[in-house]
Protein backbone atom coordinates (compact mmCIF):
# COMPACT_ATOMS: atom_id res chain seq x y z
CA UNK A 1 -11.83 89.42 44.07
CA UNK A 2 -8.68 88.32 42.30
CA UNK A 3 -9.06 88.27 38.52
CA UNK A 4 -7.24 85.31 37.01
CA UNK A 5 -7.47 85.41 33.19
CA UNK A 6 -7.91 81.68 32.62
CA UNK A 7 -10.76 81.42 35.13
CA UNK A 8 -13.01 83.88 33.29
CA UNK A 9 -14.61 83.39 29.88
CA UNK A 10 -13.27 86.72 28.61
CA UNK A 11 -9.67 85.89 29.63
CA UNK A 12 -7.41 88.96 29.18
CA UNK A 13 -10.47 91.13 28.59
CA UNK A 14 -11.90 90.32 32.04
CA UNK A 15 -9.57 92.47 34.10
CA UNK A 16 -7.80 95.82 33.98
CA UNK A 17 -4.18 96.74 33.58
CA UNK A 18 -3.43 96.37 37.28
CA UNK A 19 -1.69 98.77 39.58
CA UNK A 20 0.96 101.03 38.15
CA UNK A 21 4.38 100.70 39.73
CA UNK A 22 6.10 104.05 38.97
CA UNK A 23 9.57 102.89 40.02
CA UNK A 24 9.44 99.92 37.64
CA UNK A 25 8.02 102.13 34.88
CA UNK A 26 11.14 104.32 35.13
CA UNK A 27 13.34 101.33 34.26
CA UNK A 28 11.35 98.97 32.02
CA UNK A 29 14.36 97.10 30.61
CA UNK A 30 12.92 96.74 27.10
CA UNK A 31 10.68 98.95 25.01
CA UNK A 32 8.67 98.32 21.86
CA UNK A 33 9.48 101.40 19.80
CA UNK A 34 7.09 102.63 17.10
CA UNK A 35 6.86 105.49 14.68
CA UNK A 36 4.07 107.02 12.62
CA UNK A 37 4.62 104.54 9.77
CA UNK A 38 4.00 101.63 12.18
CA UNK A 39 0.53 102.96 12.93
CA UNK A 40 -0.22 103.56 9.25
CA UNK A 41 0.87 100.00 8.36
CA UNK A 42 -1.31 98.63 11.14
CA UNK A 43 -4.35 100.62 9.99
CA UNK A 44 -3.83 99.39 6.43
CA UNK A 45 -3.83 95.79 7.68
CA UNK A 46 -7.04 96.62 9.57
CA UNK A 47 -8.67 97.88 6.36
CA UNK A 48 -8.61 101.69 6.59
CA UNK A 49 -10.24 103.19 3.50
CA UNK A 50 -8.49 105.52 1.04
CA UNK A 51 -10.21 108.74 2.16
CA UNK A 52 -9.40 108.08 5.82
CA UNK A 53 -5.79 107.28 4.90
CA UNK A 54 -5.43 110.53 2.90
CA UNK A 55 -6.74 112.52 5.89
CA UNK A 56 -4.51 110.69 8.38
CA UNK A 57 -1.37 111.15 6.27
CA UNK A 58 -2.20 114.67 5.03
CA UNK A 59 -2.32 113.33 1.48
CA UNK A 60 1.07 111.56 1.59
CA UNK A 61 -0.60 108.21 0.86
CA UNK A 62 -3.71 107.93 -1.29
CA UNK A 63 -4.25 104.21 -0.70
CA UNK A 64 -2.72 101.33 1.25
CA UNK A 65 -1.09 99.79 -1.80
CA UNK A 66 1.37 102.73 -1.66
CA UNK A 67 2.28 101.97 1.98
CA UNK A 68 5.15 99.53 2.58
CA UNK A 69 3.52 96.50 4.23
CA UNK A 70 4.05 95.90 7.94
CA UNK A 71 5.46 92.55 8.98
CA UNK A 72 3.48 89.75 10.51
CA UNK A 73 -0.15 89.16 11.34
CA UNK A 74 -0.90 92.67 12.60
CA UNK A 75 1.88 94.77 11.05
CA UNK A 76 2.63 96.73 14.23
CA UNK A 77 5.46 96.66 16.76
CA UNK A 78 3.38 96.53 19.92
CA UNK A 79 3.67 94.43 23.10
CA UNK A 80 0.14 92.96 22.89
CA UNK A 81 -0.63 90.35 20.25
CA UNK A 82 -4.18 89.53 19.21
CA UNK A 83 -5.67 87.08 16.77
CA UNK A 84 -9.26 87.44 15.62
CA UNK A 85 -10.87 84.27 14.30
CA UNK A 86 -14.02 84.73 12.24
CA UNK A 87 -15.64 81.38 12.95
CA UNK A 88 -15.49 78.94 15.85
CA UNK A 89 -14.23 76.24 13.45
CA UNK A 90 -11.29 78.26 12.11
CA UNK A 91 -7.87 76.97 13.25
CA UNK A 92 -5.52 79.47 14.88
CA UNK A 93 -2.44 80.36 12.86
CA UNK A 94 -0.61 83.68 13.19
CA UNK A 95 2.95 84.99 13.23
CA UNK A 96 3.95 88.23 14.92
CA UNK A 97 7.20 90.07 14.21
CA UNK A 98 8.45 92.32 16.99
CA UNK A 99 11.52 94.41 17.77
CA UNK A 100 12.53 95.48 21.26
CA UNK A 101 15.10 98.05 22.30
CA UNK A 102 17.30 97.61 25.36
CA UNK A 103 16.95 100.52 27.78
CA UNK A 104 18.08 98.51 30.83
CA UNK A 105 21.58 97.22 31.52
CA UNK A 106 24.34 97.56 28.93
CA UNK A 107 24.88 93.80 28.78
CA UNK A 108 21.73 91.84 29.39
CA UNK A 109 20.28 88.52 28.36
CA UNK A 110 16.51 88.04 28.20
CA UNK A 111 14.93 84.62 28.01
CA UNK A 112 11.46 84.01 26.63
CA UNK A 113 8.94 82.46 29.03
CA UNK A 114 5.61 81.45 27.52
CA UNK A 115 2.40 80.54 29.33
CA UNK A 116 -0.34 79.12 27.15
CA UNK A 117 -3.42 77.00 27.72
CA UNK A 118 -3.68 73.43 26.45
CA UNK A 119 -4.44 73.44 22.73
CA UNK A 120 -2.57 76.68 21.99
CA UNK A 121 1.04 76.39 20.87
CA UNK A 122 3.08 79.59 21.23
CA UNK A 123 6.70 79.53 20.06
CA UNK A 124 9.26 82.32 20.18
CA UNK A 125 12.30 82.55 17.94
CA UNK A 126 14.93 83.22 19.05
CA UNK A 127 14.21 82.22 22.64
CA UNK A 128 17.07 84.35 23.97
CA UNK A 129 17.86 88.00 23.26
CA UNK A 130 21.46 88.95 24.14
CA UNK A 131 22.10 92.68 24.24
CA UNK A 132 25.62 94.13 24.27
CA UNK A 133 24.74 97.84 24.33
CA UNK A 134 22.14 100.32 25.48
CA UNK A 135 19.61 101.30 22.79
CA UNK A 136 20.44 98.14 20.83
CA UNK A 137 17.41 96.66 19.08
CA UNK A 138 16.79 92.97 18.47
CA UNK A 139 13.92 91.27 16.67
CA UNK A 140 11.98 88.09 17.33
CA UNK A 141 9.00 86.19 15.98
CA UNK A 142 6.07 84.74 17.91
CA UNK A 143 4.04 81.98 16.26
CA UNK A 144 0.59 81.17 17.62
CA UNK A 145 -0.96 77.93 16.38
CA UNK A 146 -3.92 76.07 17.76
CA UNK A 147 -7.13 74.19 17.35
CA UNK A 148 -10.36 76.09 16.65
CA UNK A 149 -11.84 77.98 19.60
CA UNK A 150 -15.09 76.03 19.53
CA UNK A 151 -17.41 77.49 22.16
CA UNK A 152 -14.74 79.59 23.90
CA UNK A 153 -15.01 83.28 22.95
CA UNK A 154 -11.46 84.09 24.15
CA UNK A 155 -8.26 82.30 25.13
CA UNK A 156 -5.16 83.95 26.54
CA UNK A 157 -1.46 83.28 26.65
CA UNK A 158 1.52 85.43 27.52
CA UNK A 159 5.15 85.97 26.65
CA UNK A 160 7.51 87.33 29.29
CA UNK A 161 11.04 88.42 28.45
CA UNK A 162 12.99 87.88 31.68
CA UNK A 163 16.54 88.98 32.49
CA UNK A 164 16.07 88.32 36.25
CA UNK A 165 15.92 92.06 36.96
CA UNK A 166 13.14 92.91 34.48
CA UNK A 167 10.05 91.02 33.40
CA UNK A 168 8.56 92.44 30.20
CA UNK A 169 5.13 90.88 29.63
CA UNK A 170 3.18 90.69 26.37
CA UNK A 171 -0.38 89.38 26.44
CA UNK A 172 -1.44 87.11 23.60
CA UNK A 173 -5.18 86.91 22.96
CA UNK A 174 -7.15 84.80 20.50
CA UNK A 175 -10.79 85.78 20.28
CA UNK A 176 -14.03 85.49 18.43
CA UNK A 177 -16.94 87.70 19.34
CA UNK A 178 -20.41 86.93 18.19
CA UNK A 179 -23.36 89.33 18.04
CA UNK A 180 -24.22 88.29 21.61
CA UNK A 181 -20.56 88.28 22.79
């Protein structure tokens, strides 16, 4: 059975990653590069405690106030973007900062293509990334704004950077799980 995210109540969470295409994986076009500090910043935004942070960083950081803050809602440079809302009446409002590195063609232009359900506004700035060199990095911001989820536990959207040759997809998920969800 085909799994279409918008036709299932768990949206992006209702299906797997799909089939791996090794030839496309060899030439992805863009990558989201991260280092150890990116993970530490993310964990601090997620609320890691001081003793866990000391263990993770071998004592380099004793608490998150000593860690330079990561940018945006989640503080990590990762393709997937997720927004957790605590209550069904909470409006959706998040900004994600991302940087991608060109590993495709020397000169390439990627255009942002967004798919979002009614009631969820996803904007990308800038909407075009123009690369002039290999290994060049460019940054962008994704804003996700919407009405409260109400009775829906999950809604999904996506951003695809498209240069005709490559399609680099980022899922965007807004969710609220209850004790029964």
